[in-house]
């Protein structure tokens, strides 16, 4: 839209079905979004209009809500779903606080998708081979790229906590500062967009797939969650003596009750399960534990005021609005119904059958499709539309024969 049109308040409308567009560009049948495929209104959030500092031509980006033409939020909007969850907490006098940890890979350009990704050439003319985890070395040659990333983050008002080189080859992580869930989802979305745009300027490729390299850790989007009293700002997970509260237990119980049903919301792509089925600190379970990275729900070591629950299931490929909404909705379900969690698990453990999660996209979608809890919390229209769109993506994946199949199976009798 032109700047003049935007400033005049011209309404931008969008076909309703676009909110269910699959990643290949197609759409499920119109019955999933209204047979007429009528319009939605894109309503810009005035607190989230950004001048894009990496663009030579002056450009701005406005984060919008998708509303029905009647003014009601669209049930197909993931941002709208998150706002609804936050409102349900507010009705109890509570406000959730979250932080996201986003991992990503920085690769050389990859014009041939049949070939594996490669790290960029380092300053010594060689490619990183996986020995730089948590290193402070700048041999990767990425210092100019990250310098512009930091500059652009500051220009966009994106506060950052820590940046580090993660375990994978040319893999990095950023921790965004904790705060309002909607703000953190907006910031996570904007940061991923920033990363990809700045990388292109520097002749690089940023990849937020869950598992872009074999035999290498995948990329997560861990979600740290706590709940505060709206009136006092007190963390309701801790009592006055600093001990865990019943609300804390019930929140964990709700997370456990929802994780299997919501796996397809946390792990939305075929590739997501490559990460979960080869768990380098990527637990595919609904166990909970104190400071144990093998549990899907980890309670980090912290002071009572910072007591929180870390959901380690979502990958970097997850929609931040939907992943945060699903995690918080499950926790609130536990609070409202006073659900008790299982016993905490410590050390090495075997996952009980009732705490294991779907390990393929097909299984996760089947679980979501049957989930009454998901339909109760997010609405039937959203869940059925989401499943329809993701089922199209799964079918598209199975329409292709992989190099592994040609290499290993072709010679079989």
Protein backbone atom coordinates (compact mmCIF):
# COMPACT_ATOMS: atom_id res chain seq x y z
CA UNK A 1 0.00 0.00 0.00
CA UNK A 2 1.23 3.51 -0.66
CA UNK A 3 2.16 5.64 2.34
CA UNK A 4 -0.53 8.13 1.31
CA UNK A 5 -3.22 5.47 1.24
CA UNK A 6 -2.13 4.09 4.60
CA UNK A 7 -2.11 7.52 6.26
CA UNK A 8 -5.55 8.28 4.84
CA UNK A 9 -6.86 5.20 6.64
CA UNK A 10 -7.75 3.32 3.49
CA UNK A 11 -8.99 -0.15 4.44
CA UNK A 12 -7.04 -3.11 3.15
CA UNK A 13 -9.13 -6.24 2.59
CA UNK A 14 -8.02 -9.81 2.09
CA UNK A 15 -9.84 -12.97 1.00
CA UNK A 16 -10.72 -15.05 4.06
CA UNK A 17 -9.19 -18.19 2.58
CA UNK A 18 -5.70 -16.65 2.56
CA UNK A 19 -5.46 -17.38 6.29
CA UNK A 20 -5.55 -21.10 5.42
CA UNK A 21 -3.18 -20.91 2.46
CA UNK A 22 -0.74 -23.83 2.66
CA UNK A 23 3.01 -23.39 2.29
CA UNK A 24 2.98 -24.52 -1.36
CA UNK A 25 0.47 -21.79 -2.20
CA UNK A 26 -2.74 -23.79 -2.55
CA UNK A 27 -5.94 -23.76 -0.52
CA UNK A 28 -8.16 -26.39 1.10
CA UNK A 29 -11.79 -26.59 -0.08
CA UNK A 30 -13.81 -23.41 0.43
CA UNK A 31 -16.05 -25.05 3.03
CA UNK A 32 -13.23 -24.61 5.54
CA UNK A 33 -13.26 -20.82 5.29
CA UNK A 34 -16.76 -19.99 4.06
CA UNK A 35 -18.17 -20.97 0.68
CA UNK A 36 -18.27 -17.36 -0.52
CA UNK A 37 -14.58 -16.77 0.41
CA UNK A 38 -15.54 -13.26 1.46
CA UNK A 39 -13.16 -10.56 2.60
CA UNK A 40 -11.51 -9.82 5.91
CA UNK A 41 -10.27 -6.40 6.98
CA UNK A 42 -6.58 -6.05 7.84
CA UNK A 43 -6.51 -3.60 10.75
CA UNK A 44 -3.03 -2.26 11.54
CA UNK A 45 -1.92 -2.25 15.15
CA UNK A 46 -0.74 1.35 15.69
CA UNK A 47 1.89 0.17 18.19
CA UNK A 48 3.49 -2.06 15.58
CA UNK A 49 4.32 0.00 12.51
CA UNK A 50 8.00 -0.23 11.61
CA UNK A 51 10.30 1.55 9.17
CA UNK A 52 12.44 -1.23 7.70
CA UNK A 53 16.07 -0.18 8.25
CA UNK A 54 17.58 -2.71 5.84
CA UNK A 55 15.61 -1.42 2.84
CA UNK A 56 17.32 1.15 0.59
CA UNK A 57 13.94 2.39 -0.67
CA UNK A 58 11.90 3.77 2.25
CA UNK A 59 9.48 1.05 3.28
CA UNK A 60 7.43 0.27 6.36
CA UNK A 61 5.75 -2.82 7.73
CA UNK A 62 2.53 -2.78 9.75
CA UNK A 63 1.48 -5.79 11.80
CA UNK A 64 -2.26 -6.19 11.40
CA UNK A 65 -5.19 -8.00 12.96
CA UNK A 66 -7.48 -9.90 10.60
CA UNK A 67 -11.07 -8.96 11.47
CA UNK A 68 -14.38 -9.93 9.95
CA UNK A 69 -16.10 -7.05 8.15
CA UNK A 70 -18.54 -6.97 11.07
CA UNK A 71 -15.64 -5.92 13.31
CA UNK A 72 -15.32 -9.25 15.11
CA UNK A 73 -11.87 -10.92 15.20
CA UNK A 74 -11.54 -13.70 12.63
CA UNK A 75 -11.37 -17.14 14.22
CA UNK A 76 -8.86 -18.12 11.51
CA UNK A 77 -6.32 -15.51 12.64
CA UNK A 78 -3.52 -16.91 14.81
CA UNK A 79 -2.84 -13.44 16.24
CA UNK A 80 -6.53 -13.22 17.09
CA UNK A 81 -6.38 -16.63 18.76
CA UNK A 82 -3.51 -15.46 20.99
CA UNK A 83 -5.38 -12.27 21.92
CA UNK A 84 -8.37 -14.40 22.89
CA UNK A 85 -6.24 -16.59 25.19
CA UNK A 86 -4.77 -13.50 26.87
CA UNK A 87 -8.30 -12.15 27.41
CA UNK A 88 -9.32 -15.41 29.09
CA UNK A 89 -6.45 -15.01 31.54
CA UNK A 90 -7.48 -11.40 32.18
CA UNK A 91 -10.99 -12.57 33.11
CA UNK A 92 -9.33 -14.40 36.02
CA UNK A 93 -7.29 -11.34 37.03
CA UNK A 94 -4.14 -12.91 35.57
CA UNK A 95 -1.62 -11.94 32.91
CA UNK A 96 0.78 -14.40 31.28
CA UNK A 97 4.42 -13.43 30.76
CA UNK A 98 6.51 -15.22 28.14
CA UNK A 99 9.92 -15.21 26.51
CA UNK A 100 11.03 -17.04 23.37
CA UNK A 101 14.39 -18.58 22.57
CA UNK A 102 14.81 -18.83 18.81
CA UNK A 103 17.49 -20.96 17.13
CA UNK A 104 18.42 -20.63 13.45
CA UNK A 105 21.13 -21.58 10.95
CA UNK A 106 23.17 -19.25 8.76
CA UNK A 107 24.21 -20.94 5.51
CA UNK A 108 25.84 -20.16 2.20
CA UNK A 109 23.35 -19.70 -0.68
CA UNK A 110 21.71 -22.98 -1.69
CA UNK A 111 20.38 -22.63 -5.26
CA UNK A 112 19.98 -26.42 -5.66
CA UNK A 113 17.57 -27.78 -3.03
CA UNK A 114 18.66 -31.35 -3.82
CA UNK A 115 22.03 -30.55 -2.26
CA UNK A 116 22.66 -30.23 1.50
CA UNK A 117 23.05 -26.84 3.13
CA UNK A 118 26.62 -25.67 3.77
CA UNK A 119 28.05 -23.15 6.22
CA UNK A 120 29.51 -19.97 4.71
CA UNK A 121 33.23 -19.81 3.97
CA UNK A 122 35.13 -18.60 7.03
CA UNK A 123 37.88 -16.02 7.12
CA UNK A 124 40.41 -18.83 6.74
CA UNK A 125 38.73 -20.03 3.52
CA UNK A 126 37.26 -23.11 5.18
CA UNK A 127 33.73 -23.99 6.24
CA UNK A 128 32.81 -24.55 9.87
CA UNK A 129 32.72 -28.24 10.76
CA UNK A 130 30.83 -28.19 14.04
CA UNK A 131 33.58 -27.34 16.50
CA UNK A 132 32.42 -23.80 17.23
CA UNK A 133 29.56 -24.45 19.69
CA UNK A 134 29.43 -21.62 22.27
CA UNK A 135 32.62 -20.17 20.76
CA UNK A 136 33.50 -16.45 20.84
CA UNK A 137 35.59 -16.79 17.67
CA UNK A 138 34.71 -14.63 14.66
CA UNK A 139 36.42 -16.94 12.14
CA UNK A 140 33.05 -17.65 10.55
CA UNK A 141 33.22 -14.25 8.88
CA UNK A 142 29.67 -13.45 10.02
CA UNK A 143 30.59 -10.42 12.12
CA UNK A 144 29.37 -7.88 9.47
CA UNK A 145 26.07 -9.76 9.18
CA UNK A 146 25.46 -9.85 12.92
CA UNK A 147 26.50 -6.22 13.31
CA UNK A 148 23.74 -5.20 10.91
CA UNK A 149 21.29 -7.55 12.65
CA UNK A 150 22.02 -5.79 15.97
CA UNK A 151 21.68 -2.35 14.34
CA UNK A 152 18.37 -3.27 12.73
CA UNK A 153 17.04 -4.73 15.98
CA UNK A 154 17.83 -1.49 17.77
CA UNK A 155 16.16 0.55 15.01
CA UNK A 156 13.02 -1.59 15.27
CA UNK A 157 12.98 -1.43 19.07
CA UNK A 158 13.59 -5.16 19.48
CA UNK A 159 15.36 -5.69 22.81
CA UNK A 160 17.64 -8.70 22.95
CA UNK A 161 18.96 -10.59 25.92
CA UNK A 162 21.69 -12.94 24.71
CA UNK A 163 23.05 -14.18 21.39
CA UNK A 164 25.21 -17.28 21.15
CA UNK A 165 26.58 -19.89 18.79
CA UNK A 166 24.53 -23.01 19.38
CA UNK A 167 25.46 -26.71 19.11
CA UNK A 168 24.83 -27.12 15.39
CA UNK A 169 27.09 -26.22 12.47
CA UNK A 170 26.65 -22.48 11.88
CA UNK A 171 23.67 -22.49 14.27
CA UNK A 172 22.85 -19.56 16.51
CA UNK A 173 20.32 -18.63 19.19
CA UNK A 174 18.76 -15.41 20.40
CA UNK A 175 16.87 -14.99 23.67
CA UNK A 176 14.24 -12.26 23.53
CA UNK A 177 13.39 -10.44 26.76
CA UNK A 178 10.30 -11.68 28.61
CA UNK A 179 7.10 -9.69 28.45
CA UNK A 180 3.52 -9.59 27.15
CA UNK A 181 2.79 -12.68 25.01
CA UNK A 182 1.36 -10.73 22.07
CA UNK A 183 4.37 -8.42 22.05
CA UNK A 184 6.76 -11.38 22.14
CA UNK A 185 4.95 -13.10 19.28
CA UNK A 186 5.12 -9.88 17.23
CA UNK A 187 8.82 -9.50 18.06
CA UNK A 188 9.59 -13.11 17.16
CA UNK A 189 7.82 -12.76 13.81
CA UNK A 190 9.58 -9.48 13.07
CA UNK A 191 12.98 -10.84 14.11
CA UNK A 192 12.67 -13.85 11.77
CA UNK A 193 11.74 -11.51 8.91
CA UNK A 194 14.69 -9.25 9.78
CA UNK A 195 17.12 -12.19 9.83
CA UNK A 196 16.19 -13.39 6.36
CA UNK A 197 16.23 -9.92 4.80
CA UNK A 198 19.59 -8.89 6.27
CA UNK A 199 21.09 -12.27 5.32
CA UNK A 200 20.16 -11.72 1.68
CA UNK A 201 22.00 -8.38 1.72
CA UNK A 202 25.12 -10.19 2.91
CA UNK A 203 24.92 -13.05 0.42
CA UNK A 204 23.78 -15.53 3.09
CA UNK A 205 20.76 -17.72 3.74
CA UNK A 206 19.06 -17.89 7.14
CA UNK A 207 17.08 -21.10 7.67
CA UNK A 208 14.48 -21.55 10.41
CA UNK A 209 13.63 -25.15 9.53
CA UNK A 210 13.37 -27.41 12.54
CA UNK A 211 16.05 -29.80 11.18
CA UNK A 212 17.97 -28.56 8.13
CA UNK A 213 21.03 -30.81 8.63
CA UNK A 214 21.25 -34.53 9.38
CA UNK A 215 23.30 -35.68 12.39
CA UNK A 216 23.10 -32.15 13.79
CA UNK A 217 20.89 -30.61 16.49
CA UNK A 218 17.70 -29.03 15.22
CA UNK A 219 16.36 -25.53 15.87
CA UNK A 220 13.81 -24.90 18.60
CA UNK A 221 11.64 -22.03 19.77
CA UNK A 222 11.44 -22.73 23.49
CA UNK A 223 8.70 -20.78 25.28
CA UNK A 224 9.25 -19.64 28.89
CA UNK A 225 5.97 -18.97 30.70
CA UNK A 226 4.95 -17.46 34.02
CA UNK A 227 1.71 -15.89 35.27
CA UNK A 228 1.34 -12.70 37.29
CA UNK A 229 -1.53 -11.17 39.23
CA UNK A 230 -2.81 -8.21 37.19
CA UNK A 231 -3.29 -6.02 40.28
CA UNK A 232 -0.08 -6.77 42.18
CA UNK A 233 2.32 -7.99 39.50
CA UNK A 234 3.19 -10.95 41.76
CA UNK A 235 4.24 -14.22 40.12
CA UNK A 236 1.39 -16.56 41.10
CA UNK A 237 3.63 -19.60 40.63
CA UNK A 238 5.32 -18.75 43.98
CA UNK A 239 3.74 -18.07 47.37
CA UNK A 240 4.93 -15.52 49.93
CA UNK A 241 7.39 -18.04 51.34
CA UNK A 242 8.86 -18.62 47.88
CA UNK A 243 7.36 -22.10 47.51
CA UNK A 244 5.53 -23.44 44.42
CA UNK A 245 1.77 -22.83 44.49
CA UNK A 246 -1.20 -24.96 43.51
CA UNK A 247 -1.59 -22.67 40.47
CA UNK A 248 1.92 -23.65 39.39
CA UNK A 249 1.06 -27.36 39.65
CA UNK A 250 -2.24 -26.93 37.82
CA UNK A 251 -0.53 -24.98 35.01
CA UNK A 252 1.90 -27.87 34.50
CA UNK A 253 -0.99 -30.33 34.65
CA UNK A 254 -2.75 -28.43 31.88
CA UNK A 255 0.39 -28.33 29.77
CA UNK A 256 0.69 -32.10 30.09
CA UNK A 257 -2.99 -32.58 29.24
CA UNK A 258 -2.68 -30.56 26.03
CA UNK A 259 0.75 -31.36 24.62
CA UNK A 260 -0.17 -34.49 22.65
CA UNK A 261 -3.34 -32.92 21.23
CA UNK A 262 -1.46 -29.74 20.32
CA UNK A 263 1.73 -31.30 18.92
CA UNK A 264 0.74 -30.35 15.35
CA UNK A 265 0.51 -26.71 16.48
CA UNK A 266 4.00 -26.80 18.01
CA UNK A 267 5.53 -28.94 15.23
CA UNK A 268 3.66 -27.91 12.07
CA UNK A 269 5.76 -29.39 9.26
CA UNK A 270 7.02 -32.77 8.06
CA UNK A 271 10.56 -31.66 8.88
CA UNK A 272 9.54 -30.78 12.46
CA UNK A 273 9.56 -34.47 13.35
CA UNK A 274 13.11 -34.95 12.09
CA UNK A 275 14.07 -32.75 15.03
CA UNK A 276 11.81 -34.52 17.51
CA UNK A 277 12.74 -38.06 16.45
CA UNK A 278 16.47 -37.36 16.79
CA UNK A 279 16.37 -35.56 20.12
CA UNK A 280 19.53 -33.56 20.70
CA UNK A 281 17.94 -31.86 23.73
CA UNK A 282 14.66 -31.83 21.75
CA UNK A 283 12.40 -33.97 23.92
CA UNK A 284 9.28 -35.38 22.34
CA UNK A 285 7.45 -36.01 25.60
CA UNK A 286 5.09 -34.40 28.10
CA UNK A 287 7.22 -35.19 31.15
CA UNK A 288 8.19 -32.36 33.49
CA UNK A 289 11.32 -31.93 35.50
CA UNK A 290 13.38 -29.48 37.47
CA UNK A 291 16.22 -28.26 35.22
CA UNK A 292 16.39 -31.41 33.07
CA UNK A 293 16.64 -30.74 29.33
CA UNK A 294 15.40 -34.23 28.51
CA UNK A 295 11.89 -33.28 29.67
CA UNK A 296 9.41 -31.58 27.37
CA UNK A 297 8.45 -29.28 30.25
CA UNK A 298 11.47 -27.97 32.13
CA UNK A 299 11.47 -25.82 35.25
CA UNK A 300 14.67 -23.75 34.94
CA UNK A 301 16.70 -23.06 38.06
CA UNK A 302 15.60 -19.61 39.21
CA UNK A 303 14.56 -17.47 42.15
CA UNK A 304 10.91 -17.74 43.30
CA UNK A 305 10.02 -14.44 41.62
CA UNK A 306 11.20 -15.85 38.28
CA UNK A 307 9.65 -19.31 38.63
CA UNK A 308 8.48 -20.36 35.18
CA UNK A 309 7.68 -23.32 32.93
CA UNK A 310 9.70 -23.84 29.75
CA UNK A 311 7.89 -25.62 26.91
CA UNK A 312 10.68 -27.25 24.89
CA UNK A 313 8.51 -28.83 22.19
CA UNK A 314 8.02 -25.98 19.65
CA UNK A 315 10.50 -25.76 16.79
CA UNK A 316 11.86 -22.65 15.11
CA UNK A 317 9.42 -23.37 12.26
CA UNK A 318 6.36 -22.91 14.50
CA UNK A 319 4.02 -19.94 14.12
CA UNK A 320 4.91 -17.90 17.24
CA UNK A 321 1.33 -16.65 17.75
CA UNK A 322 -0.13 -20.15 17.55
CA UNK A 323 2.58 -21.90 19.57
CA UNK A 324 2.34 -19.36 22.41
CA UNK A 325 -1.47 -19.42 22.29
CA UNK A 326 -1.57 -23.22 22.43
CA UNK A 327 0.89 -23.45 25.30
CA UNK A 328 -0.83 -20.77 27.38
CA UNK A 329 -4.31 -22.14 26.62
CA UNK A 330 -3.26 -25.57 27.87
CA UNK A 331 -1.88 -24.03 31.07
CA UNK A 332 -5.07 -22.07 31.70
CA UNK A 333 -7.13 -25.21 31.08
CA UNK A 334 -5.14 -26.83 33.89
CA UNK A 335 -5.68 -23.87 36.23
CA UNK A 336 -9.41 -23.70 35.57
CA UNK A 337 -9.89 -27.44 36.06
CA UNK A 338 -7.31 -27.83 38.86
CA UNK A 339 -5.46 -30.55 36.96
CA UNK A 340 -2.62 -32.23 38.84
CA UNK A 341 0.61 -33.06 37.01
CA UNK A 342 2.45 -36.36 37.18
CA UNK A 343 5.44 -36.67 39.47
CA UNK A 344 8.51 -34.75 38.32
CA UNK A 345 11.12 -36.88 36.57
CA UNK A 346 14.84 -36.42 37.20
CA UNK A 347 18.01 -37.90 35.72
CA UNK A 348 17.82 -40.43 32.90
CA UNK A 349 14.32 -41.79 32.41
CA UNK A 350 12.09 -43.79 30.12
CA UNK A 351 9.05 -41.90 28.86
CA UNK A 352 5.78 -43.46 30.06
CA UNK A 353 3.36 -44.31 27.27
CA UNK A 354 0.80 -41.79 28.50
CA UNK A 355 3.38 -38.97 28.24
CA UNK A 356 4.75 -39.78 24.78
CA UNK A 357 3.76 -37.53 21.88
CA UNK A 358 3.00 -38.08 18.18
CA UNK A 359 6.21 -38.62 16.22
CA UNK A 360 4.98 -37.88 12.67
CA UNK A 361 2.94 -35.07 11.18
CA UNK A 362 0.29 -37.57 10.11
CA UNK A 363 -0.12 -38.88 13.66
CA UNK A 364 -0.13 -35.35 15.10
CA UNK A 365 -2.83 -34.18 12.68
CA UNK A 366 -4.98 -37.22 13.44
CA UNK A 367 -4.66 -36.47 17.16
CA UNK A 368 -5.53 -32.80 16.63
CA UNK A 369 -8.49 -33.66 14.38
CA UNK A 370 -10.00 -35.83 17.12
CA UNK A 371 -9.27 -33.40 19.96
CA UNK A 372 -12.35 -31.97 21.65
CA UNK A 373 -10.04 -29.91 23.87
CA UNK A 374 -8.50 -28.19 20.83
CA UNK A 375 -11.92 -27.41 19.36
CA UNK A 376 -13.13 -26.12 22.73
CA UNK A 377 -10.14 -23.79 23.15
CA UNK A 378 -9.63 -22.63 19.54
CA UNK A 379 -12.97 -23.27 17.85
CA UNK A 380 -14.01 -25.96 15.40
CA UNK A 381 -13.56 -23.72 12.34
CA UNK A 382 -9.93 -22.98 13.15
CA UNK A 383 -8.94 -26.56 14.01
CA UNK A 384 -10.67 -28.13 11.02
CA UNK A 385 -9.22 -25.49 8.67
CA UNK A 386 -5.72 -25.89 10.09
CA UNK A 387 -5.87 -29.67 9.73
CA UNK A 388 -7.15 -29.35 6.15
CA UNK A 389 -4.31 -27.01 5.16
CA UNK A 390 -1.62 -29.12 6.82
CA UNK A 391 -3.04 -32.30 5.29
CA UNK A 392 -2.53 -30.75 1.86
CA UNK A 393 1.12 -30.11 2.73
CA UNK A 394 1.56 -33.69 3.92
CA UNK A 395 0.03 -35.02 0.69
CA UNK A 396 2.38 -32.81 -1.33
CA UNK A 397 5.35 -34.25 0.57
CA UNK A 398 4.27 -37.80 -0.21
CA UNK A 399 3.94 -36.89 -3.88
CA UNK A 400 7.75 -36.79 -4.10
CA UNK A 401 10.27 -39.63 -3.95
CA UNK A 402 13.29 -38.79 -1.80
CA UNK A 403 16.97 -39.41 -2.66
CA UNK A 404 17.11 -41.93 0.22
CA UNK A 405 14.40 -44.04 -1.41
CA UNK A 406 16.18 -44.02 -4.79
CA UNK A 407 19.58 -44.70 -3.23
CA UNK A 408 18.60 -47.48 -0.83
CA UNK A 409 15.47 -49.13 -2.23
CA UNK A 410 16.03 -49.15 -5.99
CA UNK A 411 18.37 -52.15 -5.87
CA UNK A 412 16.04 -54.25 -3.73
CA UNK A 413 14.52 -57.34 -5.32
